[in-house]
Amino acid sequence: MPAFDDAGSAPGANAPAARGAQAGAARGAMGLAPLLAVAGIVAATGLVLLSMGRTPICQCGYVKLWHGVVHSSENSQHLTDWYSFTHVIHGILFYAGLWLAARMTGLRMGLGLRLVLATLVEAGWEIVENTDFVINRYREATIALDYYGDSVVNALVDILTMVAGFVIAARMPIWATALVAVTIELVLAWSIRDNLTLNVVMLLWPLEGIKAWQGGA
């Protein structure tokens, strides 16, 4: 999945080598402005979450790099956990979706602009995810009985993890990117009986059979 750069579809009948060089240069070009925009979005998201009453860090009083116990009140409270990997897939999907949108509409969106747009979407989801409505929905329809929302640091790292997934999709071939996403889903399903696909299904169309399996039945 090549980056959709400002060149769009190459003009005229230029040599394939020239088009490849142009696309490669655009793929590598990011610039400082998009990175500053991403940093600003992350900071603004943190302020919004704090204003919503989200806790800055785990109420346990400390911050761990990794917390691997899913059925725990500390899940989604530390820097990373099993669900952090689902945000890598977010980034992959956002890259693919924005690339496809640019192709279909003819818009010339550089890699930096697409990264900023993806970050805005991810930040918006982190805010919505931490509303009482969505938190209660998770607790009612999924296995996340001990889920009380994300800590601010966890939500912000989730956004950065999405950025990592976006970069993976921008730099790696389609087959390798797809392999990363599929591997994450399979490992999560095997390790914690949950993944991004099951999370979406159970949030929107909860199935008792899946819930029973996730509960260890």
N, C-alpha and C. Protein backbone atom coordinates (compact mmCIF):
# COMPACT_ATOMS: atom_id res chain seq x y z
N MET A 1 0.85 -1.18 0.00
CA MET A 1 0.00 0.00 0.00
C MET A 1 0.88 1.24 0.00
N PRO A 2 1.20 1.81 -1.12
CA PRO A 2 2.10 2.95 -1.16
C PRO A 2 1.47 4.19 -0.56
N ALA A 3 2.31 5.04 -0.01
CA ALA A 3 1.80 6.29 0.53
C ALA A 3 1.22 7.12 -0.59
N PHE A 4 0.06 7.73 -0.34
CA PHE A 4 -0.55 8.60 -1.34
C PHE A 4 0.02 9.98 -1.13
N ASP A 5 0.93 10.38 -1.97
CA ASP A 5 1.66 11.62 -1.75
C ASP A 5 1.08 12.76 -2.55
N ASP A 6 1.72 13.92 -2.46
CA ASP A 6 1.23 15.11 -3.13
C ASP A 6 1.30 14.98 -4.63
N ALA A 7 2.02 14.00 -5.10
CA ALA A 7 2.09 13.82 -6.54
C ALA A 7 0.84 13.17 -7.07
N GLY A 8 0.05 12.51 -6.19
CA GLY A 8 -1.16 11.83 -6.62
C GLY A 8 -0.81 10.78 -7.64
N SER A 9 -1.63 10.66 -8.66
CA SER A 9 -1.27 9.79 -9.77
C SER A 9 -0.25 10.52 -10.62
N ALA A 10 0.81 9.85 -10.96
CA ALA A 10 1.93 10.52 -11.62
C ALA A 10 1.48 11.18 -12.92
N PRO A 11 1.83 12.45 -13.16
CA PRO A 11 1.38 13.14 -14.35
C PRO A 11 2.06 12.60 -15.59
N GLY A 12 1.29 12.51 -16.66
CA GLY A 12 1.85 12.12 -17.94
C GLY A 12 2.35 10.70 -17.93
N ALA A 13 3.25 10.41 -18.78
CA ALA A 13 3.80 9.06 -18.91
C ALA A 13 5.26 9.08 -18.54
N ASN A 14 5.55 9.54 -17.33
CA ASN A 14 6.93 9.58 -16.87
C ASN A 14 7.46 8.17 -16.71
N ALA A 15 8.75 8.06 -16.69
CA ALA A 15 9.39 6.76 -16.53
C ALA A 15 9.00 6.15 -15.19
N PRO A 16 8.79 4.83 -15.13
CA PRO A 16 8.45 4.18 -13.86
C PRO A 16 9.49 4.44 -12.78
N ALA A 17 10.76 4.50 -13.16
CA ALA A 17 11.81 4.75 -12.17
C ALA A 17 11.63 6.11 -11.54
N ALA A 18 11.26 7.11 -12.35
CA ALA A 18 11.07 8.46 -11.81
C ALA A 18 9.89 8.49 -10.87
N ARG A 19 8.82 7.78 -11.25
CA ARG A 19 7.65 7.74 -10.37
C ARG A 19 7.99 7.05 -9.07
N GLY A 20 8.77 5.97 -9.15
CA GLY A 20 9.14 5.27 -7.93
C GLY A 20 9.98 6.12 -7.02
N ALA A 21 10.91 6.88 -7.60
CA ALA A 21 11.75 7.75 -6.79
C ALA A 21 10.93 8.84 -6.13
N GLN A 22 9.98 9.38 -6.90
CA GLN A 22 9.13 10.44 -6.36
C GLN A 22 8.29 9.93 -5.20
N ALA A 23 7.70 8.75 -5.38
CA ALA A 23 6.88 8.17 -4.32
C ALA A 23 7.72 7.84 -3.10
N GLY A 24 8.93 7.35 -3.33
CA GLY A 24 9.80 7.02 -2.20
C GLY A 24 10.18 8.26 -1.42
N ALA A 25 10.46 9.37 -2.14
CA ALA A 25 10.80 10.60 -1.44
C ALA A 25 9.63 11.12 -0.64
N ALA A 26 8.41 11.03 -1.23
CA ALA A 26 7.23 11.51 -0.52
C ALA A 26 6.95 10.65 0.70
N ARG A 27 7.18 9.34 0.57
CA ARG A 27 6.95 8.44 1.69
C ARG A 27 7.85 8.81 2.87
N GLY A 28 9.06 9.23 2.58
CA GLY A 28 9.98 9.55 3.66
C GLY A 28 9.79 10.94 4.22
N ALA A 29 9.10 11.82 3.46
CA ALA A 29 8.94 13.20 3.90
C ALA A 29 7.79 13.32 4.87
N MET A 30 8.08 13.85 6.06
CA MET A 30 7.03 14.06 7.04
C MET A 30 7.00 15.52 7.45
N GLY A 31 8.14 16.08 7.79
CA GLY A 31 8.19 17.47 8.20
C GLY A 31 7.90 17.61 9.68
N LEU A 32 8.25 18.77 10.21
CA LEU A 32 8.09 19.01 11.64
C LEU A 32 6.66 19.40 12.01
N ALA A 33 5.98 20.12 11.12
CA ALA A 33 4.64 20.63 11.44
C ALA A 33 3.66 19.52 11.82
N PRO A 34 3.58 18.42 11.05
CA PRO A 34 2.64 17.35 11.46
C PRO A 34 2.98 16.75 12.82
N LEU A 35 4.27 16.62 13.11
CA LEU A 35 4.67 16.06 14.40
C LEU A 35 4.28 16.99 15.55
N LEU A 36 4.43 18.29 15.33
CA LEU A 36 4.00 19.25 16.34
C LEU A 36 2.49 19.22 16.51
N ALA A 37 1.78 19.05 15.40
CA ALA A 37 0.32 18.96 15.47
C ALA A 37 -0.11 17.73 16.26
N VAL A 38 0.56 16.61 16.02
CA VAL A 38 0.25 15.39 16.76
C VAL A 38 0.51 15.59 18.25
N ALA A 39 1.65 16.21 18.58
CA ALA A 39 1.96 16.47 19.98
C ALA A 39 0.90 17.36 20.62
N GLY A 40 0.44 18.37 19.86
CA GLY A 40 -0.59 19.26 20.37
C GLY A 40 -1.91 18.54 20.61
N ILE A 41 -2.27 17.63 19.69
CA ILE A 41 -3.50 16.86 19.84
C ILE A 41 -3.42 15.96 21.07
N VAL A 42 -2.27 15.32 21.26
CA VAL A 42 -2.09 14.45 22.42
C VAL A 42 -2.22 15.26 23.71
N ALA A 43 -1.57 16.43 23.76
CA ALA A 43 -1.65 17.27 24.96
C ALA A 43 -3.07 17.74 25.21
N ALA A 44 -3.76 18.17 24.16
CA ALA A 44 -5.13 18.65 24.31
C ALA A 44 -6.05 17.52 24.78
N THR A 45 -5.83 16.32 24.28
CA THR A 45 -6.63 15.17 24.71
C THR A 45 -6.44 14.91 26.19
N GLY A 46 -5.20 15.01 26.65
CA GLY A 46 -4.94 14.83 28.08
C GLY A 46 -5.70 15.84 28.92
N LEU A 47 -5.74 17.09 28.48
CA LEU A 47 -6.46 18.14 29.22
C LEU A 47 -7.96 17.86 29.23
N VAL A 48 -8.50 17.42 28.09
CA VAL A 48 -9.92 17.10 28.02
C VAL A 48 -10.27 15.96 28.96
N LEU A 49 -9.45 14.92 28.96
CA LEU A 49 -9.71 13.77 29.83
C LEU A 49 -9.63 14.17 31.31
N LEU A 50 -8.67 15.01 31.64
CA LEU A 50 -8.58 15.49 33.02
C LEU A 50 -9.83 16.29 33.40
N SER A 51 -10.31 17.10 32.47
CA SER A 51 -11.52 17.89 32.74
C SER A 51 -12.75 17.00 32.90
N MET A 52 -12.70 15.80 32.30
CA MET A 52 -13.80 14.84 32.43
C MET A 52 -13.74 14.07 33.74
N GLY A 53 -12.68 14.28 34.50
CA GLY A 53 -12.55 13.61 35.78
C GLY A 53 -11.77 12.31 35.73
N ARG A 54 -11.10 12.04 34.58
CA ARG A 54 -10.29 10.85 34.50
C ARG A 54 -9.06 10.99 35.39
N THR A 55 -8.63 9.90 35.98
CA THR A 55 -7.47 9.95 36.86
C THR A 55 -6.18 10.05 36.03
N PRO A 56 -5.23 10.87 36.46
CA PRO A 56 -3.98 11.01 35.68
C PRO A 56 -3.24 9.69 35.55
N ILE A 57 -3.14 8.95 36.66
CA ILE A 57 -2.47 7.66 36.66
C ILE A 57 -3.34 6.66 37.41
N CYS A 58 -2.89 5.43 37.48
CA CYS A 58 -3.61 4.40 38.22
C CYS A 58 -3.87 4.84 39.66
N GLN A 59 -5.07 4.56 40.17
CA GLN A 59 -5.38 4.92 41.54
C GLN A 59 -4.56 4.13 42.55
N CYS A 60 -3.85 3.11 42.06
CA CYS A 60 -2.95 2.37 42.95
C CYS A 60 -1.78 3.24 43.39
N GLY A 61 -1.53 4.33 42.67
CA GLY A 61 -0.51 5.29 43.08
C GLY A 61 0.82 5.17 42.38
N TYR A 62 0.96 4.23 41.45
CA TYR A 62 2.22 4.09 40.72
C TYR A 62 1.91 3.78 39.26
N VAL A 63 2.93 3.86 38.43
CA VAL A 63 2.77 3.62 37.00
C VAL A 63 3.73 2.51 36.58
N LYS A 64 3.19 1.50 35.91
CA LYS A 64 4.01 0.40 35.39
C LYS A 64 4.09 0.52 33.87
N LEU A 65 5.21 0.05 33.31
CA LEU A 65 5.35 0.04 31.87
C LEU A 65 4.35 -0.93 31.24
N TRP A 66 4.12 -2.07 31.90
CA TRP A 66 3.25 -3.11 31.37
C TRP A 66 2.40 -3.70 32.47
N HIS A 67 1.12 -3.87 32.19
CA HIS A 67 0.23 -4.59 33.11
C HIS A 67 -0.50 -5.64 32.29
N GLY A 68 -0.27 -6.90 32.61
CA GLY A 68 -0.77 -7.97 31.77
C GLY A 68 -1.97 -8.73 32.29
N VAL A 69 -2.56 -8.28 33.39
CA VAL A 69 -3.73 -8.96 33.95
C VAL A 69 -4.99 -8.25 33.43
N VAL A 70 -5.71 -8.93 32.53
CA VAL A 70 -6.88 -8.29 31.91
C VAL A 70 -8.01 -8.11 32.90
N HIS A 71 -8.33 -9.15 33.65
CA HIS A 71 -9.43 -9.07 34.60
C HIS A 71 -8.92 -8.45 35.90
N SER A 72 -8.72 -7.17 35.84
CA SER A 72 -8.12 -6.46 36.96
C SER A 72 -8.53 -5.00 36.89
N SER A 73 -8.69 -4.39 38.07
CA SER A 73 -9.04 -2.96 38.11
C SER A 73 -7.89 -2.09 37.63
N GLU A 74 -6.69 -2.68 37.49
CA GLU A 74 -5.55 -1.92 37.00
C GLU A 74 -5.38 -2.01 35.49
N ASN A 75 -6.25 -2.78 34.82
CA ASN A 75 -6.18 -2.84 33.37
C ASN A 75 -6.56 -1.49 32.78
N SER A 76 -5.84 -1.06 31.76
CA SER A 76 -6.03 0.25 31.12
C SER A 76 -5.69 1.41 32.05
N GLN A 77 -4.90 1.13 33.08
CA GLN A 77 -4.49 2.17 34.01
C GLN A 77 -3.01 2.49 33.92
N HIS A 78 -2.22 1.57 33.41
CA HIS A 78 -0.78 1.79 33.31
C HIS A 78 -0.41 2.15 31.87
N LEU A 79 0.88 2.22 31.58
CA LEU A 79 1.29 2.70 30.27
C LEU A 79 0.82 1.79 29.14
N THR A 80 1.06 0.50 29.27
CA THR A 80 0.66 -0.44 28.22
C THR A 80 0.04 -1.68 28.84
N ASP A 81 -0.77 -2.36 28.03
CA ASP A 81 -1.39 -3.63 28.42
C ASP A 81 -1.71 -4.38 27.14
N TRP A 82 -2.42 -5.49 27.26
CA TRP A 82 -2.73 -6.29 26.09
C TRP A 82 -3.49 -5.48 25.03
N TYR A 83 -4.36 -4.60 25.48
CA TYR A 83 -5.19 -3.84 24.54
C TYR A 83 -4.41 -2.75 23.81
N SER A 84 -3.20 -2.47 24.26
CA SER A 84 -2.37 -1.51 23.54
C SER A 84 -2.13 -1.96 22.11
N PHE A 85 -2.03 -3.29 21.93
CA PHE A 85 -1.77 -3.82 20.58
C PHE A 85 -2.93 -3.54 19.62
N THR A 86 -4.16 -3.43 20.17
CA THR A 86 -5.29 -3.14 19.28
C THR A 86 -5.16 -1.74 18.69
N HIS A 87 -4.46 -0.85 19.36
CA HIS A 87 -4.29 0.50 18.85
C HIS A 87 -3.26 0.54 17.72
N VAL A 88 -2.37 -0.44 17.71
CA VAL A 88 -1.49 -0.58 16.54
C VAL A 88 -2.35 -0.86 15.30
N ILE A 89 -3.34 -1.73 15.46
CA ILE A 89 -4.23 -2.03 14.35
C ILE A 89 -5.05 -0.81 13.97
N HIS A 90 -5.45 0.00 14.97
CA HIS A 90 -6.13 1.26 14.65
C HIS A 90 -5.30 2.06 13.64
N GLY A 91 -4.02 2.19 13.94
CA GLY A 91 -3.15 2.98 13.07
C GLY A 91 -3.06 2.40 11.67
N ILE A 92 -2.98 1.07 11.58
CA ILE A 92 -2.93 0.41 10.28
C ILE A 92 -4.21 0.68 9.50
N LEU A 93 -5.35 0.55 10.18
CA LEU A 93 -6.64 0.77 9.52
C LEU A 93 -6.82 2.22 9.11
N PHE A 94 -6.39 3.15 9.95
CA PHE A 94 -6.51 4.57 9.61
C PHE A 94 -5.66 4.91 8.39
N TYR A 95 -4.45 4.36 8.36
CA TYR A 95 -3.60 4.61 7.20
C TYR A 95 -4.27 4.08 5.94
N ALA A 96 -4.77 2.85 6.00
CA ALA A 96 -5.40 2.24 4.84
C ALA A 96 -6.63 3.03 4.42
N GLY A 97 -7.45 3.42 5.40
CA GLY A 97 -8.68 4.14 5.10
C GLY A 97 -8.43 5.49 4.47
N LEU A 98 -7.46 6.23 5.01
CA LEU A 98 -7.16 7.55 4.47
C LEU A 98 -6.49 7.45 3.11
N TRP A 99 -5.64 6.45 2.93
CA TRP A 99 -5.03 6.24 1.61
C TRP A 99 -6.11 5.94 0.57
N LEU A 100 -7.06 5.07 0.95
CA LEU A 100 -8.13 4.72 0.03
C LEU A 100 -9.03 5.92 -0.26
N ALA A 101 -9.32 6.71 0.79
CA ALA A 101 -10.16 7.89 0.59
C ALA A 101 -9.51 8.88 -0.36
N ALA A 102 -8.20 9.04 -0.22
CA ALA A 102 -7.48 9.95 -1.12
C ALA A 102 -7.53 9.43 -2.55
N ARG A 103 -7.37 8.13 -2.72
CA ARG A 103 -7.42 7.54 -4.04
C ARG A 103 -8.78 7.73 -4.69
N MET A 104 -9.83 7.50 -3.91
CA MET A 104 -11.18 7.54 -4.45
C MET A 104 -11.67 8.95 -4.75
N THR A 105 -11.22 9.92 -3.95
CA THR A 105 -11.69 11.29 -4.12
C THR A 105 -10.76 12.14 -4.96
N GLY A 106 -9.53 11.67 -5.14
CA GLY A 106 -8.55 12.46 -5.88
C GLY A 106 -7.89 13.54 -5.06
N LEU A 107 -8.16 13.55 -3.74
CA LEU A 107 -7.52 14.53 -2.88
C LEU A 107 -6.04 14.23 -2.74
N ARG A 108 -5.24 15.29 -2.66
CA ARG A 108 -3.80 15.13 -2.51
C ARG A 108 -3.42 15.32 -1.05
N MET A 109 -3.42 14.23 -0.31
CA MET A 109 -3.11 14.28 1.12
C MET A 109 -1.73 13.68 1.36
N GLY A 110 -0.83 14.50 1.83
CA GLY A 110 0.49 14.01 2.15
C GLY A 110 0.47 13.13 3.40
N LEU A 111 1.56 12.45 3.64
CA LEU A 111 1.65 11.52 4.78
C LEU A 111 1.44 12.26 6.10
N GLY A 112 2.01 13.46 6.21
CA GLY A 112 1.86 14.22 7.46
C GLY A 112 0.43 14.58 7.75
N LEU A 113 -0.30 15.03 6.74
CA LEU A 113 -1.71 15.39 6.93
C LEU A 113 -2.53 14.18 7.34
N ARG A 114 -2.26 13.06 6.70
CA ARG A 114 -3.00 11.85 7.05
C ARG A 114 -2.70 11.41 8.48
N LEU A 115 -1.46 11.57 8.91
CA LEU A 115 -1.13 11.23 10.29
C LEU A 115 -1.88 12.12 11.27
N VAL A 116 -1.97 13.40 10.97
CA VAL A 116 -2.70 14.33 11.84
C VAL A 116 -4.17 13.95 11.90
N LEU A 117 -4.77 13.63 10.75
CA LEU A 117 -6.18 13.24 10.72
C LEU A 117 -6.41 11.95 11.51
N ALA A 118 -5.50 10.99 11.35
CA ALA A 118 -5.62 9.74 12.10
C ALA A 118 -5.52 9.99 13.60
N THR A 119 -4.64 10.89 13.98
CA THR A 119 -4.48 11.21 15.40
C THR A 119 -5.72 11.88 15.95
N LEU A 120 -6.34 12.74 15.17
CA LEU A 120 -7.59 13.39 15.59
C LEU A 120 -8.69 12.35 15.82
N VAL A 121 -8.80 11.39 14.91
CA VAL A 121 -9.82 10.35 15.06
C VAL A 121 -9.54 9.51 16.30
N GLU A 122 -8.29 9.13 16.49
CA GLU A 122 -7.94 8.30 17.65
C GLU A 122 -8.17 9.06 18.95
N ALA A 123 -7.79 10.34 18.96
CA ALA A 123 -8.01 11.16 20.16
C ALA A 123 -9.50 11.29 20.46
N GLY A 124 -10.29 11.47 19.39
CA GLY A 124 -11.74 11.56 19.58
C GLY A 124 -12.30 10.28 20.18
N TRP A 125 -11.80 9.14 19.71
CA TRP A 125 -12.25 7.87 20.27
C TRP A 125 -11.86 7.73 21.72
N GLU A 126 -10.65 8.13 22.08
CA GLU A 126 -10.23 8.02 23.48
C GLU A 126 -11.14 8.84 24.38
N ILE A 127 -11.58 9.99 23.90
CA ILE A 127 -12.49 10.82 24.69
C ILE A 127 -13.86 10.16 24.80
N VAL A 128 -14.39 9.68 23.67
CA VAL A 128 -15.70 9.02 23.69
C VAL A 128 -15.65 7.75 24.52
N GLU A 129 -14.56 7.00 24.39
CA GLU A 129 -14.42 5.74 25.11
C GLU A 129 -14.47 5.94 26.62
N ASN A 130 -14.08 7.10 27.07
CA ASN A 130 -14.03 7.36 28.51
C ASN A 130 -15.23 8.14 29.02
N THR A 131 -16.30 8.16 28.24
CA THR A 131 -17.57 8.70 28.74
C THR A 131 -18.28 7.62 29.54
N ASP A 132 -19.15 8.03 30.43
CA ASP A 132 -19.88 7.06 31.27
C ASP A 132 -20.68 6.09 30.41
N PHE A 133 -21.25 6.57 29.31
CA PHE A 133 -22.07 5.71 28.47
C PHE A 133 -21.27 4.54 27.92
N VAL A 134 -20.10 4.82 27.35
CA VAL A 134 -19.29 3.76 26.75
C VAL A 134 -18.69 2.87 27.84
N ILE A 135 -18.24 3.45 28.94
CA ILE A 135 -17.70 2.64 30.03
C ILE A 135 -18.74 1.64 30.52
N ASN A 136 -19.96 2.11 30.74
CA ASN A 136 -21.02 1.22 31.19
C ASN A 136 -21.37 0.17 30.14
N ARG A 137 -21.28 0.57 28.87
CA ARG A 137 -21.55 -0.38 27.80
C ARG A 137 -20.52 -1.51 27.81
N TYR A 138 -19.26 -1.16 27.99
CA TYR A 138 -18.21 -2.18 28.10
C TYR A 138 -18.50 -3.13 29.25
N ARG A 139 -18.90 -2.58 30.39
CA ARG A 139 -19.12 -3.40 31.57
C ARG A 139 -20.33 -4.31 31.41
N GLU A 140 -21.33 -3.84 30.68
CA GLU A 140 -22.56 -4.63 30.51
C GLU A 140 -22.42 -5.70 29.43
N ALA A 141 -21.74 -5.35 28.33
CA ALA A 141 -21.77 -6.21 27.15
C ALA A 141 -20.52 -7.04 26.93
N THR A 142 -19.42 -6.71 27.61
CA THR A 142 -18.17 -7.42 27.37
C THR A 142 -17.68 -8.06 28.66
N ILE A 143 -16.47 -8.63 28.59
CA ILE A 143 -15.91 -9.27 29.77
C ILE A 143 -15.21 -8.27 30.69
N ALA A 144 -15.26 -6.99 30.34
CA ALA A 144 -14.53 -5.96 31.09
C ALA A 144 -15.33 -5.51 32.31
N LEU A 145 -15.58 -6.45 33.22
CA LEU A 145 -16.40 -6.15 34.40
C LEU A 145 -15.71 -5.18 35.35
N ASP A 146 -14.38 -5.19 35.35
CA ASP A 146 -13.63 -4.31 36.24
C ASP A 146 -13.17 -3.03 35.54
N TYR A 147 -13.75 -2.75 34.37
CA TYR A 147 -13.32 -1.59 33.60
C TYR A 147 -14.04 -0.33 34.09
N TYR A 148 -13.24 0.67 34.45
CA TYR A 148 -13.79 1.94 34.90
C TYR A 148 -13.24 3.10 34.07
N GLY A 149 -12.82 2.80 32.86
CA GLY A 149 -12.23 3.82 32.02
C GLY A 149 -10.72 3.80 32.08
N ASP A 150 -10.10 4.54 31.18
CA ASP A 150 -8.64 4.60 31.12
C ASP A 150 -8.10 5.70 32.03
N SER A 151 -6.90 5.49 32.53
CA SER A 151 -6.19 6.62 33.14
C SER A 151 -5.72 7.51 31.99
N VAL A 152 -5.39 8.74 32.31
CA VAL A 152 -4.97 9.69 31.27
C VAL A 152 -3.69 9.21 30.60
N VAL A 153 -2.73 8.73 31.40
CA VAL A 153 -1.47 8.29 30.79
C VAL A 153 -1.70 7.10 29.87
N ASN A 154 -2.61 6.21 30.23
CA ASN A 154 -2.89 5.06 29.37
C ASN A 154 -3.53 5.51 28.06
N ALA A 155 -4.46 6.44 28.14
CA ALA A 155 -5.13 6.93 26.93
C ALA A 155 -4.15 7.61 25.99
N LEU A 156 -3.23 8.40 26.56
CA LEU A 156 -2.26 9.10 25.72
C LEU A 156 -1.28 8.14 25.07
N VAL A 157 -0.86 7.12 25.80
CA VAL A 157 0.02 6.12 25.21
C VAL A 157 -0.73 5.33 24.13
N ASP A 158 -2.03 5.12 24.33
CA ASP A 158 -2.82 4.46 23.29
C ASP A 158 -2.76 5.25 21.98
N ILE A 159 -2.84 6.57 22.08
CA ILE A 159 -2.76 7.41 20.88
C ILE A 159 -1.39 7.24 20.21
N LEU A 160 -0.34 7.25 21.01
CA LEU A 160 1.00 7.09 20.46
C LEU A 160 1.19 5.70 19.86
N THR A 161 0.55 4.70 20.43
CA THR A 161 0.61 3.35 19.87
C THR A 161 -0.08 3.31 18.52
N MET A 162 -1.18 4.06 18.39
CA MET A 162 -1.83 4.17 17.08
C MET A 162 -0.88 4.79 16.07
N VAL A 163 -0.15 5.82 16.50
CA VAL A 163 0.83 6.45 15.61
C VAL A 163 1.86 5.42 15.15
N ALA A 164 2.29 4.55 16.05
CA ALA A 164 3.24 3.50 15.68
C ALA A 164 2.65 2.59 14.61
N GLY A 165 1.38 2.22 14.76
CA GLY A 165 0.73 1.40 13.75
C GLY A 165 0.62 2.09 12.42
N PHE A 166 0.35 3.39 12.45
CA PHE A 166 0.27 4.19 11.22
C PHE A 166 1.62 4.18 10.51
N VAL A 167 2.68 4.36 11.26
CA VAL A 167 4.02 4.38 10.67
C VAL A 167 4.37 3.01 10.10
N ILE A 168 4.00 1.95 10.81
CA ILE A 168 4.24 0.60 10.29
C ILE A 168 3.58 0.44 8.92
N ALA A 169 2.31 0.87 8.83
CA ALA A 169 1.59 0.74 7.56
C ALA A 169 2.21 1.60 6.46
N ALA A 170 2.76 2.76 6.84
CA ALA A 170 3.36 3.65 5.85
C ALA A 170 4.69 3.13 5.34
N ARG A 171 5.40 2.37 6.16
CA ARG A 171 6.76 1.95 5.82
C ARG A 171 6.86 0.53 5.28
N MET A 172 5.92 -0.32 5.67
CA MET A 172 6.05 -1.73 5.31
C MET A 172 5.17 -2.07 4.10
N PRO A 173 5.52 -3.11 3.37
CA PRO A 173 4.67 -3.57 2.26
C PRO A 173 3.30 -4.00 2.77
N ILE A 174 2.34 -4.06 1.85
CA ILE A 174 0.97 -4.42 2.23
C ILE A 174 0.94 -5.78 2.92
N TRP A 175 1.62 -6.77 2.35
CA TRP A 175 1.55 -8.11 2.91
C TRP A 175 2.13 -8.17 4.32
N ALA A 176 3.20 -7.42 4.55
CA ALA A 176 3.82 -7.42 5.88
C ALA A 176 2.93 -6.70 6.90
N THR A 177 2.31 -5.60 6.46
CA THR A 177 1.40 -4.87 7.34
C THR A 177 0.20 -5.73 7.71
N ALA A 178 -0.37 -6.41 6.71
CA ALA A 178 -1.50 -7.30 6.98
C ALA A 178 -1.09 -8.43 7.92
N LEU A 179 0.11 -8.94 7.74
CA LEU A 179 0.60 -10.01 8.60
C LEU A 179 0.72 -9.54 10.05
N VAL A 180 1.19 -8.32 10.23
CA VAL A 180 1.29 -7.75 11.58
C VAL A 180 -0.09 -7.68 12.23
N ALA A 181 -1.08 -7.16 11.49
CA ALA A 181 -2.43 -7.01 12.03
C ALA A 181 -3.05 -8.37 12.37
N VAL A 182 -2.94 -9.32 11.47
CA VAL A 182 -3.52 -10.65 11.69
C VAL A 182 -2.83 -11.35 12.86
N THR A 183 -1.52 -11.21 12.93
CA THR A 183 -0.78 -11.84 14.03
C THR A 183 -1.21 -11.27 15.37
N ILE A 184 -1.37 -9.97 15.45
CA ILE A 184 -1.83 -9.34 16.69
C ILE A 184 -3.19 -9.89 17.09
N GLU A 185 -4.12 -9.97 16.14
CA GLU A 185 -5.46 -10.47 16.45
C GLU A 185 -5.42 -11.91 16.94
N LEU A 186 -4.62 -12.74 16.30
CA LEU A 186 -4.55 -14.15 16.68
C LEU A 186 -3.89 -14.33 18.05
N VAL A 187 -2.81 -13.60 18.28
CA VAL A 187 -2.12 -13.70 19.58
C VAL A 187 -3.02 -13.22 20.71
N LEU A 188 -3.75 -12.14 20.50
CA LEU A 188 -4.66 -11.65 21.53
C LEU A 188 -5.79 -12.63 21.78
N ALA A 189 -6.35 -13.20 20.71
CA ALA A 189 -7.43 -14.17 20.89
C ALA A 189 -6.95 -15.37 21.68
N TRP A 190 -5.73 -15.81 21.42
CA TRP A 190 -5.17 -16.97 22.12
C TRP A 190 -4.78 -16.63 23.56
N SER A 191 -4.26 -15.42 23.77
CA SER A 191 -3.71 -15.05 25.08
C SER A 191 -4.78 -14.58 26.06
N ILE A 192 -5.71 -13.76 25.59
CA ILE A 192 -6.69 -13.16 26.52
C ILE A 192 -8.14 -13.37 26.07
N ARG A 193 -8.33 -14.16 25.00
CA ARG A 193 -9.67 -14.42 24.46
C ARG A 193 -10.39 -13.13 24.08
N ASP A 194 -9.65 -12.20 23.59
CA ASP A 194 -10.22 -10.93 23.14
C ASP A 194 -9.27 -10.32 22.12
N ASN A 195 -9.79 -9.47 21.28
CA ASN A 195 -8.98 -8.73 20.33
C ASN A 195 -9.83 -7.59 19.78
N LEU A 196 -9.32 -6.87 18.80
CA LEU A 196 -10.07 -5.72 18.29
C LEU A 196 -11.38 -6.15 17.64
N THR A 197 -11.34 -7.22 16.85
CA THR A 197 -12.56 -7.69 16.19
C THR A 197 -13.63 -8.08 17.20
N LEU A 198 -13.26 -8.88 18.19
CA LEU A 198 -14.21 -9.31 19.20
C LEU A 198 -14.69 -8.13 20.04
N ASN A 199 -13.80 -7.19 20.29
CA ASN A 199 -14.15 -6.02 21.08
C ASN A 199 -15.25 -5.22 20.40
N VAL A 200 -15.10 -5.02 19.08
CA VAL A 200 -16.11 -4.28 18.32
C VAL A 200 -17.43 -5.05 18.27
N VAL A 201 -17.35 -6.36 18.01
CA VAL A 201 -18.56 -7.18 17.94
C VAL A 201 -19.32 -7.13 19.26
N MET A 202 -18.59 -7.30 20.37
CA MET A 202 -19.26 -7.34 21.67
C MET A 202 -19.76 -5.97 22.10
N LEU A 203 -19.15 -4.94 21.61
CA LEU A 203 -19.60 -3.60 21.97
C LEU A 203 -20.88 -3.24 21.21
N LEU A 204 -20.96 -3.67 19.93
CA LEU A 204 -22.10 -3.29 19.10
C LEU A 204 -23.19 -4.36 19.05
N TRP A 205 -22.77 -5.62 18.92
CA TRP A 205 -23.74 -6.72 18.82
C TRP A 205 -23.30 -7.85 19.75
N PRO A 206 -23.47 -7.69 21.05
CA PRO A 206 -22.99 -8.71 22.00
C PRO A 206 -23.65 -10.06 21.78
N LEU A 207 -22.80 -11.09 21.76
CA LEU A 207 -23.27 -12.46 21.57
C LEU A 207 -22.93 -13.27 22.82
N GLU A 208 -23.92 -13.94 23.36
CA GLU A 208 -23.72 -14.68 24.61
C GLU A 208 -22.69 -15.79 24.45
N GLY A 209 -22.65 -16.41 23.26
CA GLY A 209 -21.68 -17.47 23.04
C GLY A 209 -20.25 -16.97 23.15
N ILE A 210 -19.99 -15.82 22.57
CA ILE A 210 -18.64 -15.23 22.65
C ILE A 210 -18.34 -14.83 24.09
N LYS A 211 -19.32 -14.23 24.76
CA LYS A 211 -19.10 -13.77 26.14
C LYS A 211 -18.80 -14.96 27.05
N ALA A 212 -19.51 -16.07 26.83
CA ALA A 212 -19.26 -17.27 27.65
C ALA A 212 -17.86 -17.80 27.39
N TRP A 213 -17.44 -17.85 26.13
CA TRP A 213 -16.09 -18.31 25.79
C TRP A 213 -15.03 -17.40 26.38
N GLN A 214 -15.26 -16.09 26.31
CA GLN A 214 -14.30 -15.16 26.87
C GLN A 214 -14.21 -15.29 28.39
N GLY A 215 -15.31 -15.69 28.99
CA GLY A 215 -15.32 -15.87 30.44
C GLY A 215 -14.70 -17.17 30.88
N GLY A 216 -14.25 -18.00 29.93
CA GLY A 216 -13.56 -19.24 30.27
C GLY A 216 -14.40 -20.47 30.14
N ALA A 217 -15.61 -20.34 29.57
CA ALA A 217 -16.50 -21.51 29.44
C ALA A 217 -15.97 -22.46 28.37
